[in-house]
Amino acid sequence: MVWTQDRARLAAHKRHHPDADDGDLRRDLRAARLADYIERTVAAAPPLTGEQKDRLALLLRPSNSEERVA
């Protein structure tokens, strides 16, 4: 669980800098927890078809045109 390191980093930051912006640290923690959840879910699931993988990948791709990579 790598996300626990991000949680500890956020806690230490809040303890030493209570008024500082912690948005980036919170984003990193959420991303790490999501990655952990996805890894555990995929490991427990039966093998996916190519179509199923493509459909799930669409959920993680940026949805607005400004964020899309050409």
N, C-alpha and C. Protein backbone atom coordinates (compact mmCIF):
# COMPACT_ATOMS: atom_id res chain seq x y z
N MET A 1 0.83 -1.19 0.00
CA MET A 1 0.00 0.00 0.00
C MET A 1 0.88 1.25 0.00
N VAL A 2 1.19 1.69 -1.17
CA VAL A 2 2.03 2.89 -1.31
C VAL A 2 1.26 4.13 -0.88
N TRP A 3 -0.07 4.08 -0.97
CA TRP A 3 -0.85 5.27 -0.64
C TRP A 3 -0.69 5.68 0.83
N THR A 4 -0.29 4.76 1.68
CA THR A 4 -0.11 5.12 3.09
C THR A 4 1.04 6.11 3.26
N GLN A 5 2.02 6.04 2.37
CA GLN A 5 3.11 7.02 2.40
C GLN A 5 2.60 8.40 2.03
N ASP A 6 1.70 8.46 1.05
CA ASP A 6 1.11 9.74 0.67
C ASP A 6 0.25 10.30 1.80
N ARG A 7 -0.46 9.42 2.51
CA ARG A 7 -1.27 9.85 3.64
C ARG A 7 -0.39 10.43 4.74
N ALA A 8 0.74 9.78 5.01
CA ALA A 8 1.67 10.26 6.03
C ALA A 8 2.28 11.60 5.62
N ARG A 9 2.60 11.73 4.34
CA ARG A 9 3.17 12.98 3.83
C ARG A 9 2.17 14.13 4.00
N LEU A 10 0.89 13.88 3.70
CA LEU A 10 -0.14 14.89 3.87
C LEU A 10 -0.31 15.26 5.34
N ALA A 11 -0.32 14.26 6.22
CA ALA A 11 -0.48 14.52 7.65
C ALA A 11 0.67 15.35 8.19
N ALA A 12 1.89 15.03 7.79
CA ALA A 12 3.05 15.79 8.25
C ALA A 12 3.00 17.22 7.74
N HIS A 13 2.58 17.37 6.49
CA HIS A 13 2.48 18.71 5.90
C HIS A 13 1.45 19.55 6.67
N LYS A 14 0.28 18.95 6.97
CA LYS A 14 -0.76 19.68 7.71
C LYS A 14 -0.30 20.00 9.13
N ARG A 15 0.46 19.11 9.73
CA ARG A 15 0.94 19.33 11.10
C ARG A 15 1.92 20.50 11.15
N HIS A 16 2.83 20.56 10.18
CA HIS A 16 3.87 21.59 10.19
C HIS A 16 3.48 22.87 9.46
N HIS A 17 2.51 22.79 8.56
CA HIS A 17 2.07 23.96 7.78
C HIS A 17 0.54 23.95 7.70
N PRO A 18 -0.14 24.20 8.82
CA PRO A 18 -1.60 24.06 8.85
C PRO A 18 -2.35 24.99 7.90
N ASP A 19 -1.77 26.12 7.56
CA ASP A 19 -2.46 27.07 6.69
C ASP A 19 -2.04 26.98 5.23
N ALA A 20 -1.09 26.12 4.92
CA ALA A 20 -0.58 26.00 3.56
C ALA A 20 -1.55 25.21 2.68
N ASP A 21 -1.47 25.45 1.39
CA ASP A 21 -2.30 24.74 0.42
C ASP A 21 -1.83 23.28 0.34
N ASP A 22 -2.76 22.36 0.46
CA ASP A 22 -2.40 20.94 0.40
C ASP A 22 -3.12 20.23 -0.74
N GLY A 23 -3.60 20.99 -1.70
CA GLY A 23 -4.35 20.42 -2.81
C GLY A 23 -3.59 19.37 -3.60
N ASP A 24 -2.32 19.64 -3.87
CA ASP A 24 -1.52 18.68 -4.63
C ASP A 24 -1.32 17.39 -3.85
N LEU A 25 -1.09 17.50 -2.56
CA LEU A 25 -0.90 16.30 -1.74
C LEU A 25 -2.19 15.49 -1.64
N ARG A 26 -3.32 16.18 -1.52
CA ARG A 26 -4.61 15.48 -1.48
C ARG A 26 -4.89 14.78 -2.81
N ARG A 27 -4.56 15.44 -3.91
CA ARG A 27 -4.75 14.84 -5.23
C ARG A 27 -3.89 13.59 -5.37
N ASP A 28 -2.62 13.69 -4.93
CA ASP A 28 -1.72 12.54 -5.01
C ASP A 28 -2.23 11.37 -4.16
N LEU A 29 -2.76 11.68 -2.99
CA LEU A 29 -3.29 10.63 -2.12
C LEU A 29 -4.49 9.95 -2.77
N ARG A 30 -5.39 10.73 -3.33
CA ARG A 30 -6.57 10.14 -3.99
C ARG A 30 -6.17 9.28 -5.18
N ALA A 31 -5.20 9.76 -5.95
CA ALA A 31 -4.73 8.99 -7.11
C ALA A 31 -4.08 7.69 -6.67
N ALA A 32 -3.29 7.72 -5.62
CA ALA A 32 -2.63 6.52 -5.12
C ALA A 32 -3.65 5.51 -4.59
N ARG A 33 -4.66 6.00 -3.88
CA ARG A 33 -5.69 5.10 -3.36
C ARG A 33 -6.51 4.50 -4.49
N LEU A 34 -6.80 5.30 -5.50
CA LEU A 34 -7.53 4.80 -6.66
C LEU A 34 -6.72 3.73 -7.39
N ALA A 35 -5.43 3.98 -7.57
CA ALA A 35 -4.56 3.00 -8.23
C ALA A 35 -4.53 1.69 -7.44
N ASP A 36 -4.43 1.77 -6.13
CA ASP A 36 -4.44 0.57 -5.29
C ASP A 36 -5.75 -0.19 -5.45
N TYR A 37 -6.85 0.53 -5.44
CA TYR A 37 -8.17 -0.11 -5.59
C TYR A 37 -8.29 -0.79 -6.96
N ILE A 38 -7.86 -0.11 -8.00
CA ILE A 38 -7.94 -0.69 -9.34
C ILE A 38 -7.08 -1.95 -9.43
N GLU A 39 -5.87 -1.89 -8.90
CA GLU A 39 -4.98 -3.06 -8.94
C GLU A 39 -5.61 -4.26 -8.22
N ARG A 40 -6.19 -4.03 -7.04
CA ARG A 40 -6.81 -5.12 -6.30
C ARG A 40 -8.03 -5.67 -7.02
N THR A 41 -8.83 -4.78 -7.60
CA THR A 41 -10.04 -5.20 -8.31
C THR A 41 -9.70 -6.01 -9.55
N VAL A 42 -8.73 -5.54 -10.33
CA VAL A 42 -8.32 -6.26 -11.54
C VAL A 42 -7.73 -7.62 -11.18
N ALA A 43 -6.96 -7.68 -10.12
CA ALA A 43 -6.35 -8.95 -9.71
C ALA A 43 -7.41 -9.98 -9.30
N ALA A 44 -8.52 -9.52 -8.75
CA ALA A 44 -9.56 -10.42 -8.28
C ALA A 44 -10.57 -10.77 -9.37
N ALA A 45 -10.58 -10.04 -10.45
CA ALA A 45 -11.57 -10.24 -11.51
C ALA A 45 -11.10 -11.31 -12.51
N PRO A 46 -12.06 -11.92 -13.19
CA PRO A 46 -11.68 -12.85 -14.26
C PRO A 46 -11.06 -12.06 -15.41
N PRO A 47 -10.33 -12.73 -16.30
CA PRO A 47 -9.70 -12.02 -17.43
C PRO A 47 -10.74 -11.24 -18.24
N LEU A 48 -10.35 -10.04 -18.66
CA LEU A 48 -11.24 -9.18 -19.44
C LEU A 48 -10.98 -9.34 -20.92
N THR A 49 -12.02 -9.12 -21.71
CA THR A 49 -11.84 -9.11 -23.16
C THR A 49 -11.23 -7.78 -23.57
N GLY A 50 -10.74 -7.70 -24.78
CA GLY A 50 -10.18 -6.45 -25.29
C GLY A 50 -11.20 -5.33 -25.28
N GLU A 51 -12.43 -5.65 -25.65
CA GLU A 51 -13.50 -4.65 -25.66
C GLU A 51 -13.78 -4.13 -24.25
N GLN A 52 -13.79 -5.02 -23.27
CA GLN A 52 -14.02 -4.61 -21.89
C GLN A 52 -12.89 -3.72 -21.39
N LYS A 53 -11.67 -4.07 -21.73
CA LYS A 53 -10.52 -3.25 -21.34
C LYS A 53 -10.60 -1.86 -21.95
N ASP A 54 -10.97 -1.79 -23.24
CA ASP A 54 -11.11 -0.49 -23.91
C ASP A 54 -12.18 0.36 -23.24
N ARG A 55 -13.30 -0.26 -22.89
CA ARG A 55 -14.40 0.48 -22.26
C ARG A 55 -13.98 1.03 -20.89
N LEU A 56 -13.27 0.21 -20.12
CA LEU A 56 -12.80 0.66 -18.82
C LEU A 56 -11.73 1.75 -18.96
N ALA A 57 -10.88 1.63 -19.96
CA ALA A 57 -9.84 2.64 -20.18
C ALA A 57 -10.45 3.99 -20.51
N LEU A 58 -11.60 3.99 -21.20
CA LEU A 58 -12.28 5.25 -21.51
C LEU A 58 -12.65 6.03 -20.25
N LEU A 59 -12.93 5.33 -19.19
CA LEU A 59 -13.30 5.99 -17.94
C LEU A 59 -12.14 6.79 -17.34
N LEU A 60 -10.91 6.39 -17.66
CA LEU A 60 -9.74 7.05 -17.09
C LEU A 60 -9.15 8.11 -18.01
N ARG A 61 -9.61 8.17 -19.22
CA ARG A 61 -9.09 9.16 -20.15
C ARG A 61 -9.74 10.51 -19.89
N PRO A 62 -9.03 11.60 -20.19
CA PRO A 62 -9.62 12.93 -20.02
C PRO A 62 -10.89 13.07 -20.86
N SER A 63 -11.86 13.78 -20.32
CA SER A 63 -13.13 13.90 -21.03
C SER A 63 -13.28 15.20 -21.80
N ASN A 64 -12.50 16.23 -21.46
CA ASN A 64 -12.65 17.47 -22.21
C ASN A 64 -11.50 17.62 -23.20
N SER A 65 -11.75 18.34 -24.27
CA SER A 65 -10.79 18.43 -25.37
C SER A 65 -9.50 19.13 -24.98
N GLU A 66 -9.51 19.98 -23.98
CA GLU A 66 -8.30 20.70 -23.57
C GLU A 66 -7.26 19.75 -22.98
N GLU A 67 -7.70 18.67 -22.36
CA GLU A 67 -6.78 17.75 -21.70
C GLU A 67 -6.32 16.62 -22.61
N ARG A 68 -6.94 16.47 -23.76
CA ARG A 68 -6.58 15.38 -24.66
C ARG A 68 -5.22 15.62 -25.29
N VAL A 69 -4.48 14.57 -25.42
CA VAL A 69 -3.17 14.64 -26.07
C VAL A 69 -3.36 14.32 -27.53
N ALA A 70 -2.80 15.15 -28.39
CA ALA A 70 -2.99 14.95 -29.83
C ALA A 70 -2.14 13.82 -30.34
